[in-house]
Amino acid sequence: MSKAFPIIIVPYDPDWVRMYEEEEALLRSRLPSGVVMLIEHYGSTAVPGLAAKPVIDILVAVTSFEAAKEGCNSVLEELGYGYDWYAGHMAFFKGYFTDEPVKYHIHMAPGDHPLMDNLLFRDYLRAHQDAASRYERLKYDLAELHRDDREAYTDAKGGFVAEIIALAKEENPSR
């Protein structure tokens, strides 16, 4: 993504929950239940009170990449999603070429993929306001520094995300 889609952090919007729920219902009605194991709202828009890019991140656990490619790609394309292979998992993007102010990202991988650790990150931020506040400050700073470089913005958050996931695993070793 380029200057056409700058990184802009906005205050938390409680409508993000409704937007996710509507998209989740649509996905559940269309994606093959034998392939999809889990659909979750994650990322900053899933943490109440946290400022975020207005992007609804959706995590989808599937039985396998092969089953997902066969059963999900064409359905998501019909729903207006573009496909990409991103950071070792399947990614789908919707809303970048419309007037809608909120965008949707679906990140898809098998249930045992490291991508699923992002649920630990989300849950930790939900339970620890101090960590959520630190993350929010970091995001504002990085958005200013990397406004037109999404890869650099994401990479720069990596250390914080890894730290929080490690804390979450220490706190709840069974996950």
N, C-alpha and C. Protein backbone atom coordinates (compact mmCIF):
# COMPACT_ATOMS: atom_id res chain seq x y z
N MET A 1 0.85 -1.16 0.00
CA MET A 1 0.00 0.00 0.00
C MET A 1 0.91 1.23 0.00
N SER A 2 0.45 2.26 -0.57
CA SER A 2 1.29 3.43 -0.78
C SER A 2 0.65 4.67 -0.19
N LYS A 3 1.09 5.80 -0.71
CA LYS A 3 0.54 7.07 -0.25
C LYS A 3 -0.96 7.17 -0.48
N ALA A 4 -1.49 6.37 -1.37
CA ALA A 4 -2.94 6.37 -1.60
C ALA A 4 -3.69 5.87 -0.37
N PHE A 5 -3.01 5.11 0.49
CA PHE A 5 -3.62 4.55 1.69
C PHE A 5 -2.72 4.83 2.89
N PRO A 6 -2.61 6.08 3.29
CA PRO A 6 -1.72 6.41 4.41
C PRO A 6 -2.22 5.80 5.72
N ILE A 7 -1.29 5.62 6.63
CA ILE A 7 -1.63 5.11 7.96
C ILE A 7 -2.15 6.26 8.79
N ILE A 8 -3.38 6.15 9.17
CA ILE A 8 -4.02 7.18 10.01
C ILE A 8 -4.68 6.45 11.18
N ILE A 9 -4.29 6.85 12.37
CA ILE A 9 -4.87 6.29 13.59
C ILE A 9 -6.02 7.20 14.02
N VAL A 10 -7.15 6.59 14.33
CA VAL A 10 -8.33 7.35 14.75
C VAL A 10 -8.78 6.86 16.12
N PRO A 11 -9.51 7.69 16.87
CA PRO A 11 -10.03 7.24 18.17
C PRO A 11 -10.93 6.02 18.01
N TYR A 12 -11.02 5.25 19.08
CA TYR A 12 -11.86 4.05 19.09
C TYR A 12 -13.29 4.40 18.68
N ASP A 13 -13.88 3.53 17.88
CA ASP A 13 -15.26 3.69 17.44
C ASP A 13 -16.05 2.44 17.85
N PRO A 14 -17.01 2.58 18.75
CA PRO A 14 -17.78 1.40 19.18
C PRO A 14 -18.52 0.71 18.03
N ASP A 15 -18.72 1.39 16.91
CA ASP A 15 -19.37 0.76 15.74
C ASP A 15 -18.50 -0.32 15.11
N TRP A 16 -17.22 -0.34 15.42
CA TRP A 16 -16.35 -1.37 14.87
C TRP A 16 -16.83 -2.77 15.25
N VAL A 17 -17.37 -2.91 16.44
CA VAL A 17 -17.88 -4.22 16.87
C VAL A 17 -19.05 -4.64 15.98
N ARG A 18 -19.98 -3.73 15.73
CA ARG A 18 -21.12 -4.04 14.86
C ARG A 18 -20.65 -4.37 13.45
N MET A 19 -19.69 -3.59 12.94
CA MET A 19 -19.18 -3.83 11.58
C MET A 19 -18.56 -5.22 11.49
N TYR A 20 -17.80 -5.58 12.52
CA TYR A 20 -17.23 -6.92 12.53
C TYR A 20 -18.33 -7.98 12.56
N GLU A 21 -19.29 -7.81 13.45
CA GLU A 21 -20.35 -8.81 13.58
C GLU A 21 -21.13 -9.00 12.29
N GLU A 22 -21.39 -7.93 11.58
CA GLU A 22 -22.08 -8.04 10.29
C GLU A 22 -21.23 -8.78 9.27
N GLU A 23 -19.94 -8.47 9.23
CA GLU A 23 -19.05 -9.16 8.28
C GLU A 23 -18.87 -10.61 8.67
N GLU A 24 -18.77 -10.88 9.96
CA GLU A 24 -18.65 -12.26 10.42
C GLU A 24 -19.87 -13.08 10.00
N ALA A 25 -21.07 -12.52 10.18
CA ALA A 25 -22.29 -13.23 9.79
C ALA A 25 -22.29 -13.52 8.30
N LEU A 26 -21.86 -12.55 7.51
CA LEU A 26 -21.77 -12.77 6.07
C LEU A 26 -20.77 -13.88 5.75
N LEU A 27 -19.61 -13.84 6.37
CA LEU A 27 -18.59 -14.86 6.13
C LEU A 27 -19.09 -16.24 6.55
N ARG A 28 -19.71 -16.33 7.72
CA ARG A 28 -20.22 -17.63 8.19
C ARG A 28 -21.30 -18.18 7.25
N SER A 29 -22.06 -17.29 6.63
CA SER A 29 -23.12 -17.75 5.73
C SER A 29 -22.58 -18.22 4.39
N ARG A 30 -21.37 -17.82 4.04
CA ARG A 30 -20.85 -18.11 2.70
C ARG A 30 -19.63 -19.04 2.68
N LEU A 31 -18.79 -18.98 3.69
CA LEU A 31 -17.59 -19.82 3.69
C LEU A 31 -17.93 -21.25 4.09
N PRO A 32 -17.22 -22.23 3.54
CA PRO A 32 -17.52 -23.63 3.83
C PRO A 32 -17.21 -24.00 5.28
N SER A 33 -18.23 -24.47 6.00
CA SER A 33 -18.05 -24.79 7.42
C SER A 33 -17.07 -25.94 7.63
N GLY A 34 -16.91 -26.81 6.68
CA GLY A 34 -15.95 -27.91 6.81
C GLY A 34 -14.51 -27.47 6.68
N VAL A 35 -14.29 -26.26 6.23
CA VAL A 35 -12.94 -25.71 6.07
C VAL A 35 -12.63 -24.70 7.18
N VAL A 36 -13.60 -23.89 7.53
CA VAL A 36 -13.41 -22.82 8.51
C VAL A 36 -13.62 -23.37 9.92
N MET A 37 -12.59 -23.21 10.76
CA MET A 37 -12.65 -23.69 12.13
C MET A 37 -13.00 -22.58 13.12
N LEU A 38 -12.65 -21.34 12.78
CA LEU A 38 -12.78 -20.24 13.73
C LEU A 38 -12.80 -18.92 12.95
N ILE A 39 -13.63 -18.00 13.38
CA ILE A 39 -13.62 -16.63 12.85
C ILE A 39 -13.62 -15.71 14.07
N GLU A 40 -12.62 -14.83 14.15
CA GLU A 40 -12.48 -13.95 15.32
C GLU A 40 -12.13 -12.53 14.87
N HIS A 41 -12.65 -11.57 15.61
CA HIS A 41 -12.26 -10.16 15.46
C HIS A 41 -10.99 -9.98 16.27
N TYR A 42 -9.95 -9.47 15.64
CA TYR A 42 -8.71 -9.24 16.37
C TYR A 42 -8.10 -7.95 15.87
N GLY A 43 -6.93 -7.63 16.35
CA GLY A 43 -6.33 -6.36 15.98
C GLY A 43 -6.88 -5.26 16.87
N SER A 44 -6.45 -4.06 16.63
CA SER A 44 -6.78 -2.93 17.51
C SER A 44 -8.26 -2.60 17.55
N THR A 45 -8.98 -2.80 16.46
CA THR A 45 -10.42 -2.48 16.49
C THR A 45 -11.19 -3.45 17.36
N ALA A 46 -10.56 -4.53 17.79
CA ALA A 46 -11.19 -5.53 18.66
C ALA A 46 -10.91 -5.27 20.14
N VAL A 47 -10.19 -4.20 20.44
CA VAL A 47 -9.85 -3.87 21.82
C VAL A 47 -10.62 -2.61 22.21
N PRO A 48 -11.63 -2.74 23.06
CA PRO A 48 -12.44 -1.58 23.43
C PRO A 48 -11.58 -0.42 23.95
N GLY A 49 -11.85 0.77 23.40
CA GLY A 49 -11.16 1.98 23.83
C GLY A 49 -9.85 2.27 23.13
N LEU A 50 -9.33 1.33 22.36
CA LEU A 50 -8.02 1.49 21.73
C LEU A 50 -8.14 2.21 20.38
N ALA A 51 -7.37 3.28 20.21
CA ALA A 51 -7.32 3.96 18.91
C ALA A 51 -6.72 3.00 17.89
N ALA A 52 -7.09 3.16 16.62
CA ALA A 52 -6.66 2.20 15.61
C ALA A 52 -6.76 2.79 14.21
N LYS A 53 -6.13 2.11 13.25
CA LYS A 53 -6.45 2.36 11.86
C LYS A 53 -7.89 1.85 11.69
N PRO A 54 -8.72 2.50 10.90
CA PRO A 54 -10.09 2.02 10.72
C PRO A 54 -10.14 0.81 9.78
N VAL A 55 -9.56 -0.29 10.28
CA VAL A 55 -9.49 -1.55 9.54
C VAL A 55 -9.98 -2.64 10.48
N ILE A 56 -11.01 -3.34 10.06
CA ILE A 56 -11.53 -4.46 10.84
C ILE A 56 -10.71 -5.69 10.45
N ASP A 57 -9.86 -6.14 11.37
CA ASP A 57 -9.04 -7.33 11.14
C ASP A 57 -9.81 -8.56 11.60
N ILE A 58 -9.87 -9.54 10.72
CA ILE A 58 -10.60 -10.77 10.98
C ILE A 58 -9.63 -11.93 10.83
N LEU A 59 -9.55 -12.76 11.85
CA LEU A 59 -8.69 -13.93 11.83
C LEU A 59 -9.55 -15.15 11.54
N VAL A 60 -9.17 -15.90 10.53
CA VAL A 60 -9.91 -17.11 10.16
C VAL A 60 -8.96 -18.29 10.23
N ALA A 61 -9.28 -19.25 11.10
CA ALA A 61 -8.52 -20.49 11.17
C ALA A 61 -9.20 -21.50 10.26
N VAL A 62 -8.39 -22.16 9.45
CA VAL A 62 -8.90 -23.13 8.48
C VAL A 62 -8.21 -24.47 8.69
N THR A 63 -8.77 -25.51 8.10
CA THR A 63 -8.20 -26.85 8.25
C THR A 63 -6.84 -26.96 7.56
N SER A 64 -6.68 -26.29 6.42
CA SER A 64 -5.40 -26.29 5.70
C SER A 64 -5.41 -25.17 4.67
N PHE A 65 -4.22 -24.77 4.25
CA PHE A 65 -4.14 -23.77 3.18
C PHE A 65 -4.77 -24.29 1.90
N GLU A 66 -4.54 -25.56 1.60
CA GLU A 66 -5.08 -26.13 0.37
C GLU A 66 -6.61 -26.10 0.36
N ALA A 67 -7.20 -26.51 1.48
CA ALA A 67 -8.67 -26.51 1.58
C ALA A 67 -9.21 -25.08 1.49
N ALA A 68 -8.49 -24.14 2.09
CA ALA A 68 -8.93 -22.74 2.05
C ALA A 68 -8.86 -22.18 0.63
N LYS A 69 -7.77 -22.48 -0.07
CA LYS A 69 -7.64 -22.00 -1.45
C LYS A 69 -8.78 -22.55 -2.31
N GLU A 70 -9.07 -23.82 -2.11
CA GLU A 70 -10.12 -24.46 -2.90
C GLU A 70 -11.52 -23.99 -2.51
N GLY A 71 -11.76 -23.80 -1.20
CA GLY A 71 -13.12 -23.51 -0.75
C GLY A 71 -13.43 -22.07 -0.43
N CYS A 72 -12.41 -21.25 -0.20
CA CYS A 72 -12.67 -19.89 0.28
C CYS A 72 -12.33 -18.78 -0.71
N ASN A 73 -11.28 -18.96 -1.50
CA ASN A 73 -10.81 -17.85 -2.34
C ASN A 73 -11.88 -17.30 -3.27
N SER A 74 -12.60 -18.18 -3.98
CA SER A 74 -13.60 -17.68 -4.93
C SER A 74 -14.78 -17.03 -4.20
N VAL A 75 -15.14 -17.56 -3.04
CA VAL A 75 -16.24 -16.97 -2.26
C VAL A 75 -15.85 -15.56 -1.82
N LEU A 76 -14.64 -15.42 -1.31
CA LEU A 76 -14.19 -14.10 -0.85
C LEU A 76 -14.06 -13.12 -2.01
N GLU A 77 -13.65 -13.61 -3.15
CA GLU A 77 -13.59 -12.74 -4.33
C GLU A 77 -14.99 -12.25 -4.69
N GLU A 78 -15.99 -13.12 -4.64
CA GLU A 78 -17.37 -12.72 -4.90
C GLU A 78 -17.85 -11.67 -3.90
N LEU A 79 -17.31 -11.70 -2.69
CA LEU A 79 -17.69 -10.75 -1.64
C LEU A 79 -16.88 -9.45 -1.72
N GLY A 80 -16.05 -9.33 -2.74
CA GLY A 80 -15.31 -8.08 -2.94
C GLY A 80 -13.92 -8.04 -2.36
N TYR A 81 -13.41 -9.17 -1.91
CA TYR A 81 -12.08 -9.22 -1.33
C TYR A 81 -11.03 -9.51 -2.40
N GLY A 82 -9.91 -8.81 -2.30
CA GLY A 82 -8.73 -9.13 -3.10
C GLY A 82 -7.84 -10.05 -2.28
N TYR A 83 -7.06 -10.90 -2.95
CA TYR A 83 -6.24 -11.90 -2.29
C TYR A 83 -4.76 -11.58 -2.41
N ASP A 84 -4.02 -11.96 -1.37
CA ASP A 84 -2.56 -11.84 -1.39
C ASP A 84 -2.01 -12.89 -0.44
N TRP A 85 -0.78 -13.29 -0.69
CA TRP A 85 -0.05 -14.13 0.26
C TRP A 85 0.79 -13.14 1.05
N TYR A 86 0.64 -13.11 2.38
CA TYR A 86 1.26 -12.07 3.19
C TYR A 86 1.88 -12.68 4.43
N ALA A 87 3.16 -12.48 4.60
CA ALA A 87 3.87 -12.90 5.83
C ALA A 87 3.57 -14.35 6.21
N GLY A 88 3.54 -15.23 5.22
CA GLY A 88 3.37 -16.65 5.48
C GLY A 88 1.94 -17.12 5.70
N HIS A 89 0.97 -16.30 5.32
CA HIS A 89 -0.42 -16.72 5.44
C HIS A 89 -1.25 -16.07 4.33
N MET A 90 -2.47 -16.52 4.21
CA MET A 90 -3.38 -15.96 3.21
C MET A 90 -3.98 -14.67 3.75
N ALA A 91 -4.09 -13.66 2.91
CA ALA A 91 -4.66 -12.38 3.33
C ALA A 91 -5.63 -11.89 2.26
N PHE A 92 -6.72 -11.31 2.72
CA PHE A 92 -7.76 -10.79 1.83
C PHE A 92 -8.10 -9.38 2.29
N PHE A 93 -8.31 -8.49 1.33
CA PHE A 93 -8.51 -7.07 1.64
C PHE A 93 -9.75 -6.56 0.91
N LYS A 94 -10.55 -5.77 1.62
CA LYS A 94 -11.76 -5.22 1.01
C LYS A 94 -11.95 -3.78 1.48
N GLY A 95 -12.42 -2.95 0.57
CA GLY A 95 -12.80 -1.60 0.93
C GLY A 95 -11.82 -0.52 0.53
N TYR A 96 -10.72 -0.87 -0.09
CA TYR A 96 -9.72 0.13 -0.44
C TYR A 96 -10.08 0.94 -1.67
N PHE A 97 -10.96 0.43 -2.48
CA PHE A 97 -11.31 1.15 -3.71
C PHE A 97 -12.79 1.51 -3.71
N THR A 98 -13.31 1.80 -2.52
CA THR A 98 -14.69 2.25 -2.36
C THR A 98 -14.66 3.52 -1.51
N ASP A 99 -15.81 4.11 -1.33
CA ASP A 99 -15.91 5.30 -0.49
C ASP A 99 -16.06 4.95 0.98
N GLU A 100 -16.13 3.67 1.30
CA GLU A 100 -16.30 3.26 2.70
C GLU A 100 -15.10 3.69 3.53
N PRO A 101 -15.33 4.32 4.67
CA PRO A 101 -14.21 4.77 5.49
C PRO A 101 -13.50 3.63 6.23
N VAL A 102 -14.19 2.50 6.41
CA VAL A 102 -13.60 1.36 7.12
C VAL A 102 -13.25 0.27 6.11
N LYS A 103 -12.09 -0.31 6.31
CA LYS A 103 -11.60 -1.38 5.45
C LYS A 103 -11.67 -2.70 6.22
N TYR A 104 -11.58 -3.81 5.50
CA TYR A 104 -11.59 -5.13 6.10
C TYR A 104 -10.37 -5.91 5.64
N HIS A 105 -9.72 -6.57 6.59
CA HIS A 105 -8.62 -7.50 6.29
C HIS A 105 -8.99 -8.85 6.90
N ILE A 106 -8.87 -9.89 6.10
CA ILE A 106 -9.01 -11.25 6.62
C ILE A 106 -7.63 -11.88 6.54
N HIS A 107 -7.17 -12.41 7.67
CA HIS A 107 -5.91 -13.15 7.73
C HIS A 107 -6.28 -14.59 8.01
N MET A 108 -5.83 -15.50 7.14
CA MET A 108 -6.29 -16.88 7.17
C MET A 108 -5.11 -17.84 7.20
N ALA A 109 -5.20 -18.82 8.11
CA ALA A 109 -4.16 -19.83 8.22
C ALA A 109 -4.72 -21.03 8.99
N PRO A 110 -4.03 -22.17 8.92
CA PRO A 110 -4.46 -23.32 9.72
C PRO A 110 -4.44 -22.99 11.22
N GLY A 111 -5.23 -23.71 11.98
CA GLY A 111 -5.40 -23.43 13.40
C GLY A 111 -4.15 -23.51 14.23
N ASP A 112 -3.13 -24.24 13.77
CA ASP A 112 -1.89 -24.35 14.54
C ASP A 112 -0.81 -23.38 14.06
N HIS A 113 -1.16 -22.46 13.19
CA HIS A 113 -0.22 -21.48 12.63
C HIS A 113 0.11 -20.42 13.68
N PRO A 114 1.34 -19.90 13.70
CA PRO A 114 1.71 -18.84 14.66
C PRO A 114 0.83 -17.59 14.57
N LEU A 115 0.15 -17.38 13.45
CA LEU A 115 -0.76 -16.25 13.31
C LEU A 115 -1.81 -16.24 14.42
N MET A 116 -2.17 -17.42 14.91
CA MET A 116 -3.20 -17.53 15.94
C MET A 116 -2.76 -16.89 17.27
N ASP A 117 -1.45 -16.69 17.45
CA ASP A 117 -0.96 -16.01 18.65
C ASP A 117 -1.50 -14.58 18.75
N ASN A 118 -1.97 -14.04 17.64
CA ASN A 118 -2.55 -12.70 17.68
C ASN A 118 -3.79 -12.63 18.56
N LEU A 119 -4.44 -13.75 18.78
CA LEU A 119 -5.58 -13.77 19.71
C LEU A 119 -5.09 -13.57 21.14
N LEU A 120 -3.91 -14.11 21.46
CA LEU A 120 -3.31 -13.87 22.77
C LEU A 120 -3.01 -12.39 22.96
N PHE A 121 -2.48 -11.78 21.91
CA PHE A 121 -2.17 -10.34 21.94
C PHE A 121 -3.44 -9.54 22.21
N ARG A 122 -4.48 -9.81 21.45
CA ARG A 122 -5.76 -9.12 21.62
C ARG A 122 -6.28 -9.28 23.05
N ASP A 123 -6.29 -10.51 23.52
CA ASP A 123 -6.84 -10.77 24.85
C ASP A 123 -6.02 -10.11 25.95
N TYR A 124 -4.71 -10.07 25.79
CA TYR A 124 -3.85 -9.42 26.78
C TYR A 124 -4.15 -7.92 26.82
N LEU A 125 -4.26 -7.31 25.66
CA LEU A 125 -4.57 -5.87 25.63
C LEU A 125 -5.94 -5.58 26.23
N ARG A 126 -6.89 -6.45 26.00
CA ARG A 126 -8.23 -6.28 26.58
C ARG A 126 -8.17 -6.33 28.11
N ALA A 127 -7.28 -7.16 28.64
CA ALA A 127 -7.21 -7.37 30.09
C ALA A 127 -6.23 -6.44 30.80
N HIS A 128 -5.35 -5.77 30.07
CA HIS A 128 -4.29 -4.95 30.67
C HIS A 128 -4.29 -3.56 30.05
N GLN A 129 -4.99 -2.65 30.67
CA GLN A 129 -5.12 -1.29 30.14
C GLN A 129 -3.76 -0.60 29.99
N ASP A 130 -2.82 -0.87 30.88
CA ASP A 130 -1.51 -0.24 30.78
C ASP A 130 -0.81 -0.65 29.48
N ALA A 131 -0.90 -1.93 29.14
CA ALA A 131 -0.28 -2.39 27.89
C ALA A 131 -1.01 -1.82 26.68
N ALA A 132 -2.33 -1.74 26.75
CA ALA A 132 -3.11 -1.16 25.65
C ALA A 132 -2.74 0.31 25.46
N SER A 133 -2.56 1.03 26.55
CA SER A 133 -2.17 2.45 26.45
C SER A 133 -0.78 2.61 25.85
N ARG A 134 0.15 1.75 26.26
CA ARG A 134 1.50 1.79 25.67
C ARG A 134 1.44 1.51 24.17
N TYR A 135 0.63 0.53 23.79
CA TYR A 135 0.50 0.18 22.38
C TYR A 135 -0.11 1.33 21.59
N GLU A 136 -1.11 1.97 22.14
CA GLU A 136 -1.73 3.10 21.46
C GLU A 136 -0.72 4.22 21.23
N ARG A 137 0.06 4.56 22.24
CA ARG A 137 1.09 5.59 22.06
C ARG A 137 2.09 5.20 20.97
N LEU A 138 2.51 3.94 20.99
CA LEU A 138 3.45 3.45 19.98
C LEU A 138 2.85 3.59 18.59
N LYS A 139 1.59 3.21 18.43
CA LYS A 139 0.95 3.29 17.12
C LYS A 139 0.86 4.72 16.61
N TYR A 140 0.50 5.65 17.48
CA TYR A 140 0.46 7.06 17.06
C TYR A 140 1.85 7.53 16.62
N ASP A 141 2.87 7.18 17.39
CA ASP A 141 4.24 7.58 17.04
C ASP A 141 4.68 6.97 15.71
N LEU A 142 4.41 5.69 15.54
CA LEU A 142 4.83 5.01 14.31
C LEU A 142 4.03 5.46 13.10
N ALA A 143 2.77 5.79 13.29
CA ALA A 143 1.95 6.29 12.18
C ALA A 143 2.51 7.62 11.69
N GLU A 144 2.99 8.42 12.59
CA GLU A 144 3.60 9.70 12.20
C GLU A 144 4.90 9.46 11.45
N LEU A 145 5.68 8.52 11.94
CA LEU A 145 7.00 8.22 11.36
C LEU A 145 6.89 7.49 10.02
N HIS A 146 5.91 6.59 9.89
CA HIS A 146 5.80 5.72 8.71
C HIS A 146 4.45 5.88 8.02
N ARG A 147 3.94 7.07 7.94
CA ARG A 147 2.59 7.33 7.42
C ARG A 147 2.33 6.66 6.07
N ASP A 148 3.31 6.63 5.20
CA ASP A 148 3.10 6.09 3.84
C ASP A 148 3.81 4.76 3.60
N ASP A 149 4.18 4.07 4.67
CA ASP A 149 4.90 2.80 4.53
C ASP A 149 4.33 1.79 5.51
N ARG A 150 3.32 1.07 5.07
CA ARG A 150 2.64 0.11 5.95
C ARG A 150 3.57 -1.01 6.42
N GLU A 151 4.46 -1.46 5.57
CA GLU A 151 5.38 -2.52 5.96
C GLU A 151 6.29 -2.05 7.10
N ALA A 152 6.84 -0.85 6.97
CA ALA A 152 7.71 -0.31 8.02
C ALA A 152 6.93 -0.11 9.31
N TYR A 153 5.72 0.38 9.21
CA TYR A 153 4.86 0.58 10.37
C TYR A 153 4.63 -0.75 11.09
N THR A 154 4.25 -1.77 10.33
CA THR A 154 3.98 -3.08 10.92
C THR A 154 5.25 -3.68 11.51
N ASP A 155 6.36 -3.60 10.78
CA ASP A 155 7.63 -4.14 11.29
C ASP A 155 8.05 -3.46 12.58
N ALA A 156 7.85 -2.15 12.66
CA ALA A 156 8.28 -1.40 13.84
C ALA A 156 7.46 -1.77 15.08
N LYS A 157 6.25 -2.29 14.90
CA LYS A 157 5.44 -2.74 16.03
C LYS A 157 5.81 -4.15 16.48
N GLY A 158 6.59 -4.85 15.67
CA GLY A 158 6.86 -6.27 15.91
C GLY A 158 7.44 -6.60 17.27
N GLY A 159 8.39 -5.81 17.75
CA GLY A 159 9.00 -6.09 19.05
C GLY A 159 7.99 -5.99 20.18
N PHE A 160 7.14 -4.98 20.14
CA PHE A 160 6.11 -4.81 21.17
C PHE A 160 5.13 -5.97 21.12
N VAL A 161 4.70 -6.34 19.93
CA VAL A 161 3.74 -7.43 19.78
C VAL A 161 4.34 -8.73 20.32
N ALA A 162 5.60 -9.02 20.00
CA ALA A 162 6.26 -10.23 20.49
C ALA A 162 6.36 -10.22 22.02
N GLU A 163 6.67 -9.06 22.57
CA GLU A 163 6.77 -8.92 24.04
C GLU A 163 5.43 -9.24 24.70
N ILE A 164 4.35 -8.71 24.16
CA ILE A 164 3.03 -8.92 24.75
C ILE A 164 2.58 -10.37 24.59
N ILE A 165 2.86 -10.98 23.45
CA ILE A 165 2.50 -12.39 23.26
C ILE A 165 3.26 -13.27 24.25
N ALA A 166 4.53 -12.97 24.48
CA ALA A 166 5.31 -13.73 25.46
C ALA A 166 4.71 -13.57 26.87
N LEU A 167 4.33 -12.35 27.23
CA LEU A 167 3.69 -12.13 28.53
C LEU A 167 2.37 -12.89 28.63
N ALA A 168 1.60 -12.88 27.56
CA ALA A 168 0.32 -13.59 27.54
C ALA A 168 0.53 -15.09 27.72
N LYS A 169 1.55 -15.63 27.09
CA LYS A 169 1.83 -17.08 27.23
C LYS A 169 2.31 -17.40 28.64
N GLU A 170 3.08 -16.51 29.25
CA GLU A 170 3.50 -16.72 30.65
C GLU A 170 2.29 -16.70 31.58
N GLU A 171 1.39 -15.80 31.32
CA GLU A 171 0.21 -15.62 32.15
C GLU A 171 -0.76 -16.79 32.01
N ASN A 172 -0.81 -17.37 30.82
CA ASN A 172 -1.76 -18.45 30.54
C ASN A 172 -1.05 -19.53 29.72
N PRO A 173 -0.21 -20.33 30.35
CA PRO A 173 0.60 -21.30 29.60
C PRO A 173 -0.18 -22.37 28.85
N SER A 174 -1.45 -22.56 29.18
CA SER A 174 -2.24 -23.59 28.51
C SER A 174 -2.66 -23.19 27.10
N ARG A 175 -2.47 -21.90 26.73
CA ARG A 175 -2.91 -21.43 25.41
C ARG A 175 -1.79 -21.45 24.43
